[in-house]
N, C-alpha and C. Protein backbone atom coordinates (compact mmCIF):
# COMPACT_ATOMS: atom_id res chain seq x y z
N UNK A 1 13.80 -20.21 36.11
CA UNK A 1 14.25 -19.26 37.54
C UNK A 1 15.76 -19.53 37.96
N UNK A 2 16.09 -18.20 38.00
CA UNK A 2 17.54 -18.29 38.21
C UNK A 2 17.92 -17.84 39.68
N UNK A 3 18.35 -18.47 40.54
CA UNK A 3 18.86 -18.19 41.89
C UNK A 3 19.89 -17.07 41.86
N UNK A 4 20.15 -16.19 42.76
CA UNK A 4 21.09 -15.59 42.76
C UNK A 4 21.40 -15.37 44.66
N UNK A 5 22.45 -16.03 44.92
CA UNK A 5 22.92 -16.05 46.24
C UNK A 5 23.10 -14.99 46.94
N UNK A 6 22.19 -14.80 47.59
CA UNK A 6 21.70 -13.19 48.23
C UNK A 6 22.06 -12.86 49.75
N UNK A 7 23.39 -13.47 50.45
CA UNK A 7 23.71 -13.31 51.30
C UNK A 7 24.66 -12.19 51.82
N UNK A 8 25.31 -12.22 50.66
CA UNK A 8 26.21 -10.68 50.32
C UNK A 8 26.80 -10.59 49.16
N UNK A 9 27.23 -9.46 48.97
CA UNK A 9 27.82 -8.99 47.43
C UNK A 9 27.04 -8.35 46.60
N UNK A 10 27.38 -8.64 45.19
CA UNK A 10 26.60 -7.64 44.19
C UNK A 10 25.57 -8.53 43.53
N UNK A 11 24.46 -8.82 44.35
CA UNK A 11 23.13 -9.05 44.13
C UNK A 11 22.34 -8.80 42.94
N UNK A 12 22.36 -7.35 43.34
CA UNK A 12 21.14 -6.29 42.20
C UNK A 12 22.18 -6.23 41.07
N UNK A 13 23.18 -6.35 40.94
CA UNK A 13 24.30 -6.06 39.63
C UNK A 13 23.78 -6.83 38.67
N UNK A 14 23.57 -8.40 39.40
CA UNK A 14 23.39 -9.64 38.64
C UNK A 14 21.94 -9.68 38.39
N UNK A 15 21.27 -9.20 39.22
CA UNK A 15 19.78 -9.49 38.89
C UNK A 15 19.40 -8.55 37.75
N UNK A 16 20.14 -7.24 37.51
CA UNK A 16 19.84 -6.48 36.23
C UNK A 16 20.27 -7.14 35.08
N UNK A 17 21.50 -7.77 35.18
CA UNK A 17 22.16 -8.26 34.22
C UNK A 17 21.45 -9.50 33.49
N UNK A 18 20.65 -10.21 34.44
CA UNK A 18 20.05 -11.23 34.17
C UNK A 18 18.68 -10.71 33.36
N UNK A 19 18.11 -9.72 33.72
CA UNK A 19 16.78 -9.22 33.19
C UNK A 19 17.51 -8.52 31.82
N UNK A 20 18.69 -8.19 31.65
CA UNK A 20 19.08 -7.39 30.40
C UNK A 20 18.77 -8.97 29.31
N UNK A 21 19.06 -10.13 29.94
CA UNK A 21 19.03 -11.19 29.19
C UNK A 21 17.74 -11.82 29.00
N UNK A 22 16.54 -11.42 29.77
CA UNK A 22 15.16 -11.78 29.89
C UNK A 22 15.04 -12.91 30.71
N UNK A 23 15.82 -13.09 31.91
CA UNK A 23 15.51 -14.31 32.76
C UNK A 23 14.99 -13.71 33.91
N UNK A 24 14.01 -14.55 34.55
CA UNK A 24 13.91 -14.44 35.83
C UNK A 24 14.54 -14.62 36.72
N UNK A 25 14.73 -13.63 38.00
CA UNK A 25 15.66 -14.27 38.92
C UNK A 25 15.14 -14.40 40.42
N UNK A 26 15.58 -14.79 41.30
CA UNK A 26 15.45 -15.24 42.36
C UNK A 26 16.49 -14.95 43.70
N UNK A 27 16.20 -14.33 44.82
CA UNK A 27 17.34 -14.09 45.54
C UNK A 27 17.23 -15.35 46.71
N UNK A 28 18.60 -15.81 46.75
CA UNK A 28 18.39 -17.10 47.69
C UNK A 28 19.18 -16.91 48.93
N UNK A 29 18.37 -17.35 49.98
CA UNK A 29 18.89 -17.00 51.25
C UNK A 29 18.61 -18.12 51.92
N UNK A 30 17.87 -19.14 51.73
CA UNK A 30 17.18 -19.94 52.62
C UNK A 30 17.17 -21.43 51.77
N UNK A 31 17.20 -22.45 52.09
CA UNK A 31 16.76 -23.69 51.55
C UNK A 31 15.36 -23.81 50.71
N UNK A 32 14.46 -22.99 51.03
CA UNK A 32 13.58 -23.25 50.45
C UNK A 32 13.34 -21.90 49.36
N UNK A 33 14.52 -21.03 48.89
CA UNK A 33 14.54 -20.30 47.99
C UNK A 33 14.94 -21.28 46.70
N UNK A 34 15.72 -22.27 46.98
CA UNK A 34 16.25 -23.14 45.91
C UNK A 34 15.21 -23.83 45.50
N UNK A 35 13.73 -23.83 45.72
CA UNK A 35 13.00 -24.71 44.82
C UNK A 35 13.05 -24.42 43.56
N UNK A 36 12.75 -25.36 42.55
CA UNK A 36 12.33 -24.81 41.09
C UNK A 36 13.47 -24.02 40.44
N UNK A 37 14.45 -23.63 40.93
CA UNK A 37 15.61 -22.91 39.90
C UNK A 37 16.39 -23.71 39.08
N UNK A 38 16.84 -23.16 38.17
CA UNK A 38 17.19 -24.03 37.10
C UNK A 38 18.91 -23.69 36.72
N UNK A 39 19.07 -22.89 37.82
CA UNK A 39 20.67 -21.95 37.52
C UNK A 39 20.93 -21.39 38.77
N UNK A 40 22.25 -21.31 39.16
CA UNK A 40 22.54 -20.15 40.25
C UNK A 40 23.76 -19.11 40.14
N UNK A 41 23.46 -18.21 40.52
CA UNK A 41 24.62 -17.13 40.39
C UNK A 41 25.36 -17.06 41.79
N UNK A 42 26.60 -16.72 41.89
CA UNK A 42 27.18 -16.98 43.11
C UNK A 42 27.94 -15.41 42.81
N UNK A 43 27.42 -14.29 43.35
CA UNK A 43 28.01 -13.03 43.28
C UNK A 43 29.50 -12.73 43.95
N UNK A 44 29.96 -11.65 43.01
CA UNK A 44 31.11 -11.52 44.01
C UNK A 44 30.76 -10.32 45.60
N UNK A 45 31.79 -10.52 46.34
CA UNK A 45 31.54 -9.76 47.66
C UNK A 45 32.65 -10.31 48.22
N UNK A 46 32.68 -10.56 49.61
CA UNK A 46 33.94 -11.09 50.45
C UNK A 46 33.54 -12.75 50.79
N UNK A 47 34.57 -13.50 50.01
CA UNK A 47 34.64 -14.81 50.05
C UNK A 47 34.52 -15.54 51.53
N UNK A 48 35.50 -15.00 52.59
CA UNK A 48 35.41 -15.26 53.75
C UNK A 48 34.05 -15.17 54.47
N UNK A 49 33.51 -13.95 54.49
CA UNK A 49 31.94 -13.38 54.85
C UNK A 49 31.17 -14.14 54.18
N UNK A 50 30.93 -14.51 52.97
CA UNK A 50 29.83 -15.22 52.10
C UNK A 50 29.97 -16.82 52.56
N UNK A 51 31.27 -17.47 52.61
CA UNK A 51 31.30 -18.54 53.26
C UNK A 51 30.88 -18.91 54.72
N UNK A 52 31.16 -17.93 55.42
CA UNK A 52 30.65 -17.78 57.05
C UNK A 52 28.85 -17.84 56.87
N UNK A 53 28.34 -16.85 56.09
CA UNK A 53 27.02 -16.77 55.93
C UNK A 53 26.28 -18.30 55.36
N UNK A 54 27.03 -18.72 54.64
CA UNK A 54 26.35 -20.09 53.89
C UNK A 54 26.47 -20.96 55.07
N UNK A 55 27.17 -21.25 55.58
CA UNK A 55 27.42 -22.31 57.05
C UNK A 55 26.19 -21.79 58.10
N UNK A 56 26.13 -20.41 58.62
CA UNK A 56 25.40 -20.31 59.45
C UNK A 56 23.54 -20.02 58.46
N UNK A 57 23.71 -19.97 57.63
CA UNK A 57 22.33 -20.18 56.79
C UNK A 57 21.81 -21.52 56.90
N UNK A 58 22.64 -22.62 56.72
CA UNK A 58 22.26 -24.07 56.47
C UNK A 58 22.11 -24.55 55.06
N UNK A 59 22.37 -23.49 53.99
CA UNK A 59 22.13 -23.77 52.58
C UNK A 59 23.37 -24.84 51.89
N UNK A 60 24.54 -24.93 52.34
CA UNK A 60 25.62 -25.19 52.22
C UNK A 60 25.09 -26.45 51.32
N UNK A 61 24.94 -27.66 52.01
CA UNK A 61 24.51 -28.98 51.65
C UNK A 61 23.90 -29.19 50.49
N UNK A 62 22.60 -28.17 50.69
CA UNK A 62 21.67 -28.15 49.43
C UNK A 62 21.98 -27.50 48.03
N UNK A 63 22.99 -26.50 48.27
CA UNK A 63 23.42 -25.91 47.12
C UNK A 63 24.62 -26.83 46.37
N UNK A 64 25.04 -27.52 47.41
CA UNK A 64 26.28 -28.66 46.67
C UNK A 64 25.63 -29.74 46.03
N UNK A 65 24.32 -30.00 46.38
CA UNK A 65 23.36 -31.20 46.10
C UNK A 65 22.64 -30.84 44.34
N UNK A 66 22.43 -29.76 44.50
CA UNK A 66 22.28 -28.90 43.42
C UNK A 66 23.59 -28.99 42.20
N UNK A 67 24.77 -28.40 42.45
CA UNK A 67 25.53 -28.61 41.95
C UNK A 67 26.03 -30.21 41.22
N UNK A 68 25.90 -30.77 42.33
CA UNK A 68 26.57 -32.27 41.81
C UNK A 68 25.59 -32.79 41.04
N UNK A 69 24.31 -32.31 40.96
CA UNK A 69 23.53 -33.03 40.16
C UNK A 69 23.25 -32.40 38.76
N UNK A 70 24.45 -31.42 38.61
CA UNK A 70 24.43 -30.64 37.05
C UNK A 70 23.83 -29.67 37.08
N UNK A 71 23.37 -28.81 37.83
CA UNK A 71 22.46 -27.88 37.82
C UNK A 71 24.19 -26.53 37.60
N UNK A 72 23.49 -25.62 36.48
CA UNK A 72 24.40 -24.73 35.90
C UNK A 72 24.79 -24.04 37.07
N UNK A 73 25.79 -23.40 37.55
CA UNK A 73 26.14 -22.32 38.83
C UNK A 73 27.26 -21.22 38.10
N UNK A 74 27.36 -20.26 38.21
CA UNK A 74 28.27 -19.11 37.94
C UNK A 74 28.58 -18.21 38.90
N UNK A 75 29.90 -18.61 39.30
CA UNK A 75 30.67 -17.58 40.08
C UNK A 75 31.75 -16.61 39.45
N UNK A 76 31.38 -15.28 40.00
CA UNK A 76 32.01 -14.09 39.59
C UNK A 76 32.67 -13.75 41.05
N UNK A 77 34.04 -13.44 40.49
CA UNK A 77 34.88 -12.82 41.48
C UNK A 77 34.90 -13.94 42.69
N UNK A 78 34.35 -13.18 43.71
CA UNK A 78 34.39 -14.24 45.42
C UNK A 78 33.78 -15.03 44.99
N UNK A 79 32.69 -15.36 43.98
CA UNK A 79 31.64 -16.74 43.86
C UNK A 79 32.47 -17.60 42.88
N UNK A 80 33.69 -17.33 42.08
CA UNK A 80 34.61 -18.23 41.95
C UNK A 80 35.36 -18.86 42.68
N UNK A 81 35.51 -18.22 43.98
CA UNK A 81 36.51 -18.97 44.66
C UNK A 81 36.02 -19.72 45.44
N UNK A 82 34.59 -19.74 45.60
CA UNK A 82 33.46 -20.94 46.56
C UNK A 82 33.58 -21.88 45.91
N UNK A 83 33.87 -22.10 44.29
CA UNK A 83 33.54 -23.24 43.60
C UNK A 83 35.10 -23.66 43.34
N UNK A 84 36.07 -22.93 43.62
CA UNK A 84 37.31 -23.41 43.16
C UNK A 84 37.79 -24.38 44.44
N UNK A 85 39.05 -25.05 44.08
CA UNK A 85 39.76 -25.73 45.21
C UNK A 85 39.84 -24.74 46.29
N UNK A 86 39.54 -25.65 47.37
CA UNK A 86 39.78 -24.76 49.17
C UNK A 86 38.36 -24.14 49.09
N UNK A 87 37.69 -23.56 48.09
CA UNK A 87 36.56 -23.10 48.30
C UNK A 87 35.49 -24.07 49.23
N UNK A 88 33.95 -23.37 49.76
CA UNK A 88 33.16 -24.49 50.59
C UNK A 88 32.28 -25.37 49.45
N UNK A 89 32.82 -24.92 48.03
CA UNK A 89 31.86 -26.04 47.21
C UNK A 89 32.91 -26.84 46.33
N UNK A 90 34.18 -26.68 46.13
CA UNK A 90 35.09 -26.87 45.51
C UNK A 90 34.65 -27.96 44.31
N UNK A 91 33.95 -27.22 43.05
CA UNK A 91 33.12 -27.90 42.11
C UNK A 91 34.08 -27.79 41.02
N UNK A 92 35.06 -26.90 40.82
CA UNK A 92 35.79 -26.80 39.51
C UNK A 92 37.42 -27.00 39.63
N UNK A 93 38.30 -27.80 38.88
CA UNK A 93 39.68 -28.21 39.01
C UNK A 93 40.41 -26.90 38.92
N UNK A 94 40.01 -25.86 40.03
CA UNK A 94 40.92 -24.74 39.63
C UNK A 94 41.34 -24.15 40.59
N UNK A 95 42.43 -23.69 40.87
CA UNK A 95 43.34 -23.00 41.79
C UNK A 95 43.37 -21.77 41.76
N UNK A 96 42.77 -21.16 42.76
CA UNK A 96 43.01 -19.11 42.59
C UNK A 96 43.48 -18.69 43.72
N UNK A 97 43.92 -17.40 43.52
CA UNK A 97 44.97 -16.75 44.61
C UNK A 97 44.10 -15.54 45.14
N UNK A 98 43.57 -15.40 46.11
CA UNK A 98 42.64 -14.22 46.47
C UNK A 98 43.60 -12.88 46.51
N UNK A 99 42.61 -12.54 46.08
CA UNK A 99 42.81 -10.64 46.48
C UNK A 99 44.19 -10.27 45.23
N UNK A 100 44.27 -10.96 44.18
CA UNK A 100 45.66 -11.01 43.57
C UNK A 100 45.95 -9.84 42.62
N UNK A 101 45.38 -9.07 42.54
CA UNK A 101 45.20 -7.84 42.06
C UNK A 101 45.56 -6.58 42.84
N UNK A 102 45.66 -6.80 44.12
CA UNK A 102 45.75 -5.70 45.32
C UNK A 102 44.24 -5.48 45.88
N UNK A 103 44.73 -4.25 46.82
CA UNK A 103 43.37 -3.79 47.54
C UNK A 103 42.59 -3.22 46.37
N UNK A 104 41.22 -2.60 47.46
CA UNK A 104 40.12 -2.01 46.65
C UNK A 104 40.71 -1.17 45.66
N UNK A 105 41.63 -0.14 46.07
CA UNK A 105 42.21 1.03 45.56
C UNK A 105 42.59 0.66 44.42
N UNK A 106 43.05 -0.31 44.03
CA UNK A 106 44.05 -1.00 42.81
C UNK A 106 42.84 -1.73 42.01
N UNK A 107 41.63 -1.59 42.00
CA UNK A 107 40.65 -2.40 41.10
C UNK A 107 40.56 -1.23 39.74
N UNK A 108 40.15 -2.18 38.81
CA UNK A 108 40.51 -0.97 37.40
C UNK A 108 40.10 -2.01 36.49
N UNK A 109 39.45 -1.71 35.36
CA UNK A 109 38.95 -2.19 34.21
C UNK A 109 40.21 -2.38 33.41
N UNK A 110 40.45 -3.32 33.00
CA UNK A 110 41.26 -3.72 32.25
C UNK A 110 40.67 -4.84 30.73
N UNK A 111 41.39 -4.57 29.78
CA UNK A 111 40.80 -5.26 28.59
C UNK A 111 41.17 -6.57 28.27
N UNK A 112 40.47 -7.20 27.73
CA UNK A 112 40.84 -8.94 28.00
C UNK A 112 40.13 -9.19 26.49
N UNK A 113 40.55 -10.65 26.17
CA UNK A 113 40.19 -11.43 25.15
C UNK A 113 39.09 -12.36 25.16
N UNK A 114 38.55 -12.59 24.72
CA UNK A 114 37.26 -13.76 24.99
C UNK A 114 37.62 -14.88 23.57
N UNK A 115 37.88 -15.98 23.92
CA UNK A 115 38.26 -17.32 22.72
C UNK A 115 37.20 -17.34 21.94
N UNK A 116 37.83 -16.97 20.65
CA UNK A 116 37.28 -17.07 19.45
C UNK A 116 36.47 -14.95 19.00
N UNK A 117 36.79 -14.55 19.65
CA UNK A 117 36.34 -13.24 19.37
C UNK A 117 37.70 -12.42 19.13
N UNK A 118 37.65 -11.66 17.95
CA UNK A 118 38.85 -10.71 17.92
C UNK A 118 38.97 -9.39 18.94
N UNK A 119 37.97 -8.67 18.98
CA UNK A 119 37.77 -7.54 19.57
C UNK A 119 38.12 -7.71 21.16
N UNK A 120 38.92 -6.95 21.67
CA UNK A 120 38.76 -6.98 23.42
C UNK A 120 37.63 -6.22 23.41
N UNK A 121 37.57 -6.56 25.00
CA UNK A 121 36.41 -6.19 25.91
C UNK A 121 36.68 -5.51 27.37
N UNK A 122 35.91 -4.61 27.87
CA UNK A 122 36.45 -4.08 28.96
C UNK A 122 35.95 -5.23 30.14
N UNK A 123 36.88 -5.44 31.01
CA UNK A 123 36.38 -6.38 32.19
C UNK A 123 36.85 -5.54 33.56
N UNK A 124 35.82 -5.82 34.57
CA UNK A 124 35.80 -5.09 35.75
C UNK A 124 36.78 -5.82 36.85
N UNK A 125 38.07 -5.25 37.26
CA UNK A 125 38.49 -6.26 38.29
C UNK A 125 38.13 -5.53 39.61
N UNK A 126 37.75 -6.06 40.79
CA UNK A 126 37.59 -5.40 42.16
C UNK A 126 38.18 -6.49 43.17
N UNK A 127 39.44 -6.25 43.63
CA UNK A 127 40.17 -7.14 44.59
C UNK A 127 39.97 -8.68 44.02
N UNK A 128 40.08 -8.76 42.77
CA UNK A 128 40.05 -10.02 42.39
C UNK A 128 40.85 -11.11 42.41
N UNK A 129 40.54 -12.34 42.51
CA UNK A 129 41.24 -13.63 42.51
C UNK A 129 41.94 -13.87 41.04
N UNK A 130 43.10 -14.37 41.28
CA UNK A 130 44.04 -14.81 40.10
C UNK A 130 43.86 -16.54 40.11
N UNK A 131 43.71 -16.83 38.81
CA UNK A 131 43.88 -18.23 38.41
C UNK A 131 45.15 -18.86 38.48
N UNK A 132 45.44 -19.57 39.36
CA UNK A 132 47.31 -19.73 39.32
C UNK A 132 47.42 -21.22 38.65
N UNK A 133 46.07 -21.91 38.94
CA UNK A 133 46.42 -23.57 37.95
C UNK A 133 45.29 -24.38 37.76
N UNK A 134 45.05 -24.75 36.74
CA UNK A 134 43.96 -25.46 36.30
C UNK A 134 44.12 -26.96 35.96
N UNK A 135 43.12 -27.92 35.84
CA UNK A 135 43.59 -29.36 35.91
C UNK A 135 42.34 -29.71 35.13
N UNK A 136 42.50 -31.43 34.77
CA UNK A 136 41.43 -31.40 34.09
C UNK A 136 40.98 -30.95 32.77
N UNK A 137 39.14 -31.04 32.77
CA UNK A 137 38.65 -30.47 31.51
C UNK A 137 38.32 -29.40 31.58
N UNK A 138 39.19 -28.12 32.30
CA UNK A 138 38.43 -26.97 32.27
C UNK A 138 38.91 -26.23 31.20
N UNK A 139 37.99 -25.44 30.61
CA UNK A 139 38.20 -24.41 29.25
C UNK A 139 38.52 -23.39 29.84
N UNK A 140 39.47 -22.73 29.20
CA UNK A 140 39.60 -21.29 29.54
C UNK A 140 38.91 -20.38 28.33
N UNK A 141 38.07 -19.41 28.93
CA UNK A 141 37.43 -18.87 27.82
C UNK A 141 37.76 -17.27 27.56
N UNK A 142 38.46 -16.83 28.31
CA UNK A 142 38.83 -15.56 28.47
C UNK A 142 40.29 -15.26 29.16
N UNK A 143 41.06 -14.10 28.40
CA UNK A 143 42.41 -14.16 29.13
C UNK A 143 42.45 -12.45 29.39
N UNK A 144 43.04 -11.74 30.33
CA UNK A 144 43.13 -10.60 30.28
C UNK A 144 44.80 -10.39 30.72
N UNK A 145 45.69 -9.59 29.79
CA UNK A 145 47.21 -9.76 30.49
C UNK A 145 47.72 -10.76 30.39
N UNK A 146 47.41 -11.76 29.88
CA UNK A 146 48.00 -13.14 30.02
C UNK A 146 47.23 -14.02 31.04
N UNK A 147 46.64 -13.51 31.88
CA UNK A 147 45.79 -13.84 33.20
C UNK A 147 44.91 -15.00 32.30
N UNK A 148 44.54 -16.00 33.27
CA UNK A 148 43.24 -16.76 32.52
C UNK A 148 42.00 -15.97 33.56
N UNK A 149 41.00 -15.57 32.86
CA UNK A 149 39.81 -14.97 33.91
C UNK A 149 38.45 -15.11 33.55
N UNK A 150 38.29 -16.13 32.49
CA UNK A 150 37.10 -16.94 32.43
C UNK A 150 37.38 -18.37 32.10
N UNK A 151 36.77 -19.27 33.10
CA UNK A 151 36.78 -20.85 32.75
C UNK A 151 35.46 -21.30 32.97
N UNK A 152 35.07 -22.61 32.35
CA UNK A 152 34.12 -23.44 32.28
C UNK A 152 35.07 -24.97 32.59
N UNK A 153 33.88 -25.63 33.27
CA UNK A 153 34.19 -27.16 33.28
C UNK A 153 32.84 -27.63 33.55
N UNK A 154 32.35 -28.41 32.71
CA UNK A 154 30.93 -28.99 32.95
C UNK A 154 29.94 -27.97 33.36
N UNK A 155 29.36 -28.15 34.33
CA UNK A 155 28.29 -27.30 34.42
C UNK A 155 28.50 -25.66 35.29
N UNK A 156 29.95 -25.57 35.57
CA UNK A 156 30.48 -24.41 36.52
C UNK A 156 31.02 -23.58 35.43
N UNK A 157 30.63 -22.26 35.60
CA UNK A 157 31.08 -20.72 34.86
C UNK A 157 31.79 -20.18 36.05
N UNK A 158 32.99 -19.63 35.79
CA UNK A 158 33.98 -18.91 36.76
C UNK A 158 34.45 -17.80 35.97
N UNK A 159 34.17 -16.66 36.66
CA UNK A 159 34.75 -15.14 36.21
C UNK A 159 35.54 -14.68 37.23
N UNK A 160 36.80 -14.27 37.11
CA UNK A 160 37.13 -13.54 38.14
C UNK A 160 37.05 -12.19 38.40
N UNK A 161 36.68 -11.61 37.07
CA UNK A 161 36.17 -10.33 37.16
C UNK A 161 34.66 -9.91 37.33
N UNK A 162 34.02 -8.96 36.82
CA UNK A 162 32.76 -8.73 37.24
C UNK A 162 31.81 -8.29 36.06
N UNK A 163 31.67 -9.30 34.90
CA UNK A 163 30.98 -9.09 33.75
C UNK A 163 29.64 -8.35 34.30
N UNK A 164 28.83 -8.36 35.36
CA UNK A 164 27.58 -7.83 35.54
C UNK A 164 27.60 -6.08 35.49
N UNK A 165 28.90 -5.72 35.56
CA UNK A 165 29.12 -4.44 35.45
C UNK A 165 29.09 -3.70 34.50
N UNK A 166 29.10 -4.44 33.42
CA UNK A 166 29.30 -3.76 32.04
C UNK A 166 28.12 -4.07 31.18
N UNK A 167 28.08 -3.50 30.04
CA UNK A 167 27.04 -3.85 29.34
C UNK A 167 27.15 -4.96 28.27
N UNK A 168 28.19 -5.75 28.53
CA UNK A 168 28.61 -6.98 27.76
C UNK A 168 27.95 -8.07 28.10
N UNK A 169 27.23 -9.06 27.57
CA UNK A 169 26.45 -9.89 27.78
C UNK A 169 26.89 -11.26 27.48
N UNK A 170 27.94 -10.96 27.12
CA UNK A 170 28.94 -12.30 26.99
C UNK A 170 28.51 -13.63 27.50
N UNK A 171 28.87 -12.95 28.62
CA UNK A 171 28.89 -14.46 30.03
C UNK A 171 27.74 -14.70 30.33
N UNK A 172 26.77 -13.85 30.69
CA UNK A 172 25.29 -13.95 30.95
C UNK A 172 24.57 -15.09 29.66
N UNK A 173 25.28 -14.85 28.40
CA UNK A 173 24.86 -15.64 27.69
C UNK A 173 24.94 -16.75 27.47
N UNK A 174 26.68 -17.05 27.83
CA UNK A 174 26.93 -18.37 28.02
C UNK A 174 26.23 -18.98 29.12
N UNK A 175 26.17 -18.55 30.38
CA UNK A 175 25.30 -19.25 31.68
C UNK A 175 23.92 -19.33 30.84
N UNK A 176 23.42 -18.59 30.59
CA UNK A 176 22.13 -18.88 30.20
C UNK A 176 21.96 -20.20 29.22
N UNK A 177 22.84 -20.33 28.39
CA UNK A 177 22.95 -21.17 27.25
C UNK A 177 23.06 -22.61 28.09
N UNK A 178 23.96 -22.63 28.96
CA UNK A 178 24.30 -23.98 29.90
C UNK A 178 22.83 -23.98 30.67
N UNK A 179 22.03 -23.16 31.16
CA UNK A 179 20.75 -23.43 31.38
C UNK A 179 19.57 -24.09 30.51
N UNK A 180 19.56 -23.12 29.49
CA UNK A 180 19.03 -23.86 28.78
C UNK A 180 19.29 -25.34 28.12
N UNK A 181 20.47 -25.80 27.88
CA UNK A 181 21.04 -26.69 27.81
C UNK A 181 20.43 -27.95 28.67
N UNK A 182 20.64 -27.72 29.98
CA UNK A 182 20.25 -28.25 30.96
C UNK A 182 18.46 -28.71 31.01
N UNK A 183 17.97 -27.69 30.88
CA UNK A 183 16.59 -27.85 31.19
C UNK A 183 15.87 -28.40 29.80
N UNK A 184 16.54 -28.11 28.81
CA UNK A 184 15.98 -29.20 27.53
C UNK A 184 16.23 -30.60 27.39
N UNK A 185 17.64 -30.75 27.66
CA UNK A 185 17.77 -32.48 28.16
C UNK A 185 16.84 -32.61 29.14
N UNK A 186 16.76 -32.04 30.23
CA UNK A 186 15.48 -32.76 31.46
C UNK A 186 14.25 -33.16 30.74
N UNK A 187 14.13 -31.90 29.72
CA UNK A 187 12.42 -32.05 29.04
C UNK A 187 12.55 -33.55 28.28
N UNK A 188 13.50 -33.47 27.19
CA UNK A 188 13.57 -34.75 26.70
C UNK A 188 13.59 -36.15 27.23
N UNK A 189 13.86 -35.95 28.60
CA UNK A 189 14.10 -37.09 29.41
C UNK A 189 12.63 -37.27 29.68
N UNK A 190 11.97 -36.49 30.07
CA UNK A 190 10.43 -36.64 30.94
C UNK A 190 9.71 -36.86 29.93
């Protein structure tokens, strides 16, 4: 079961994207919604609003514990801010600049390249953050116009754009691979 943080933002779009990959999802609004999830998506939206709702709902420490224990987590756009330096969970060695590509009216589709693939894919940027610094073992998975736009560090996947708004399933497949890898490791230990 994949949890989708459902306090604000693009919850339905991620639900539809994950169903295309065959994954069952559950909206997460309270601590009890975290039971038996094996991965979590933090959708785009407004990062300050989402942070306030995380604090008022009381789920912050529980989600932090799951991330620290190795549960795969995928942040898109605002969700990536929550997982970066200065975000509520700071789970990736990544520094972001919020709304780096301009206001809502500047939102657009850009072509980007994915590590190991020749063809470009469309990437939807809506008031997106820009990656300004990485350190540690952060792996760059995709770029658009020279900018780093998709990253992975251990159990954390970050996309500064919205893959859930296209038919491309590459990043959903990466995330599900992270989930399957962790669940199969847990099964072999149990």
